[in-house]
Amino acid sequence: MAKKKRIIRKNIKNNAPKQCYYCMEKKEPNFEDTANLNRFMTERAKIIPRLRSGLCAKHQNALTLSVKHARHLAMVPFTARI
């Protein structure tokens, strides 16, 4: 008989802010504002997911497009240099 595998689920603690940053500031993500875009990126230049960043769906999608646009214009790096 085959043994049953136990599924171990990790408790993921959500430390994201309660409200969207862009909704609170009444702003929109802009590819020219690289300091603000870097706030939502990791050290490896990856975009932080919505659950960790605390953004709403509308602004997370706009942020993703802004980061990708800024990457193509060489304002934000595609990857981190190691």
C-alpha atoms as a PDB file:
ATOM      1  CA  MET A   1       0.000   0.000   0.000  1.00  0.00           C
ATOM      2  CA  ALA A   2       1.157   3.472  -0.774  1.00  0.00           C
ATOM      3  CA  LYS A   3       1.737   5.819   2.101  1.00  0.00           C
ATOM      4  CA  LYS A   4      -0.271   8.988   2.261  1.00  0.00           C
ATOM      5  CA  LYS A   5       1.761  12.158   2.033  1.00  0.00           C
ATOM      6  CA  ARG A   6       1.123  14.768   4.656  1.00  0.00           C
ATOM      7  CA  ILE A   7       0.624  18.229   3.318  1.00  0.00           C
ATOM      8  CA  ILE A   8       2.388  20.799   5.435  1.00  0.00           C
ATOM      9  CA  ARG A   9       1.084  24.309   5.025  1.00  0.00           C
ATOM     10  CA  LYS A  10       3.163  27.217   6.165  1.00  0.00           C
ATOM     11  CA  ASN A  11       1.502  30.118   7.865  1.00  0.00           C
ATOM     12  CA  ILE A  12       2.290  33.130   5.741  1.00  0.00           C
ATOM     13  CA  LYS A  13       2.136  36.307   7.744  1.00  0.00           C
ATOM     14  CA  ASN A  14       0.787  39.235   5.782  1.00  0.00           C
ATOM     15  CA  ASN A  15       2.658  42.412   6.686  1.00  0.00           C
ATOM     16  CA  ALA A  16       1.255  44.445   3.817  1.00  0.00           C
ATOM     17  CA  PRO A  17      -0.278  47.862   4.434  1.00  0.00           C
ATOM     18  CA  LYS A  18      -4.054  47.959   4.774  1.00  0.00           C
ATOM     19  CA  GLN A  19      -4.581  50.523   2.016  1.00  0.00           C
ATOM     20  CA  CYS A  20      -3.111  51.048  -1.423  1.00  0.00           C
ATOM     21  CA  TYR A  21      -0.277  53.611  -1.457  1.00  0.00           C
ATOM     22  CA  TYR A  22      -1.436  55.194  -4.717  1.00  0.00           C
ATOM     23  CA  CYS A  23      -5.075  55.426  -3.582  1.00  0.00           C
ATOM     24  CA  MET A  24      -4.037  57.160  -0.356  1.00  0.00           C
ATOM     25  CA  GLU A  25      -1.724  59.639  -2.131  1.00  0.00           C
ATOM     26  CA  LYS A  26      -4.209  60.109  -5.015  1.00  0.00           C
ATOM     27  CA  LYS A  27      -1.440  59.413  -7.539  1.00  0.00           C
ATOM     28  CA  GLU A  28      -0.895  57.095 -10.467  1.00  0.00           C
ATOM     29  CA  PRO A  29       2.256  55.025 -11.082  1.00  0.00           C
ATOM     30  CA  ASN A  30       4.489  56.845 -13.560  1.00  0.00           C
ATOM     31  CA  PHE A  31       7.510  55.438 -15.375  1.00  0.00           C
ATOM     32  CA  GLU A  32       9.414  58.712 -14.912  1.00  0.00           C
ATOM     33  CA  ASP A  33       9.252  58.491 -11.095  1.00  0.00           C
ATOM     34  CA  THR A  34      11.958  55.856 -10.635  1.00  0.00           C
ATOM     35  CA  ALA A  35      12.364  56.464  -6.898  1.00  0.00           C
ATOM     36  CA  ASN A  36       8.733  55.553  -6.375  1.00  0.00           C
ATOM     37  CA  LEU A  37       8.969  52.523  -8.684  1.00  0.00           C
ATOM     38  CA  ASN A  38      12.026  51.220  -6.821  1.00  0.00           C
ATOM     39  CA  ARG A  39       9.966  51.218  -3.643  1.00  0.00           C
ATOM     40  CA  PHE A  40       7.911  48.353  -5.082  1.00  0.00           C
ATOM     41  CA  MET A  41      10.877  46.354  -6.381  1.00  0.00           C
ATOM     42  CA  THR A  42      13.257  43.967  -4.627  1.00  0.00           C
ATOM     43  CA  GLU A  43      17.040  44.259  -4.551  1.00  0.00           C
ATOM     44  CA  ARG A  44      17.122  41.838  -7.489  1.00  0.00           C
ATOM     45  CA  ALA A  45      14.902  44.232  -9.507  1.00  0.00           C
ATOM     46  CA  LYS A  46      11.819  42.017  -9.307  1.00  0.00           C
ATOM     47  CA  ILE A  47       8.376  43.550  -8.902  1.00  0.00           C
ATOM     48  CA  ILE A  48       6.919  42.882  -5.449  1.00  0.00           C
ATOM     49  CA  PRO A  49       3.619  40.954  -5.616  1.00  0.00           C
ATOM     50  CA  ARG A  50       0.327  42.500  -4.637  1.00  0.00           C
ATOM     51  CA  LEU A  51      -0.028  40.621  -1.349  1.00  0.00           C
ATOM     52  CA  ARG A  52       3.279  42.004  -0.096  1.00  0.00           C
ATOM     53  CA  SER A  53       3.078  45.507  -1.548  1.00  0.00           C
ATOM     54  CA  GLY A  54      -0.489  46.209  -0.403  1.00  0.00           C
ATOM     55  CA  LEU A  55      -1.546  47.763  -3.713  1.00  0.00           C
ATOM     56  CA  CYS A  56      -5.001  47.392  -5.193  1.00  0.00           C
ATOM     57  CA  ALA A  57      -5.395  45.462  -8.469  1.00  0.00           C
ATOM     58  CA  LYS A  58      -5.771  48.591 -10.585  1.00  0.00           C
ATOM     59  CA  HIS A  59      -2.578  50.184  -9.312  1.00  0.00           C
ATOM     60  CA  GLN A  60      -0.602  46.916  -9.256  1.00  0.00           C
ATOM     61  CA  ASN A  61      -1.310  46.449 -12.977  1.00  0.00           C
ATOM     62  CA  ALA A  62      -0.412  50.080 -13.696  1.00  0.00           C
ATOM     63  CA  LEU A  63       2.781  49.730 -11.642  1.00  0.00           C
ATOM     64  CA  THR A  64       3.786  46.624 -13.580  1.00  0.00           C
ATOM     65  CA  LEU A  65       3.309  48.404 -16.900  1.00  0.00           C
ATOM     66  CA  SER A  66       5.217  51.458 -15.637  1.00  0.00           C
ATOM     67  CA  VAL A  67       8.162  49.336 -14.459  1.00  0.00           C
ATOM     68  CA  LYS A  68       8.283  47.484 -17.775  1.00  0.00           C
ATOM     69  CA  HIS A  69       8.145  50.772 -19.681  1.00  0.00           C
ATOM     70  CA  ALA A  70      10.930  52.246 -17.514  1.00  0.00           C
ATOM     71  CA  ARG A  71      13.043  49.118 -18.069  1.00  0.00           C
ATOM     72  CA  HIS A  72      12.833  49.497 -21.835  1.00  0.00           C
ATOM     73  CA  LEU A  73      13.872  53.139 -21.544  1.00  0.00           C
ATOM     74  CA  ALA A  74      16.834  52.086 -19.327  1.00  0.00           C
ATOM     75  CA  MET A  75      15.585  54.065 -16.323  1.00  0.00           C
ATOM     76  CA  VAL A  76      15.246  50.929 -14.169  1.00  0.00           C
ATOM     77  CA  PRO A  77      17.482  47.847 -14.545  1.00  0.00           C
ATOM     78  CA  PHE A  78      16.160  44.523 -15.809  1.00  0.00           C
ATOM     79  CA  THR A  79      18.351  42.621 -13.318  1.00  0.00           C
ATOM     80  CA  ALA A  80      20.671  43.462 -10.476  1.00  0.00           C
ATOM     81  CA  ARG A  81      24.404  43.339 -11.045  1.00  0.00           C
ATOM     82  CA  ILE A  82      26.172  40.816  -8.900  1.00  0.00           C
END
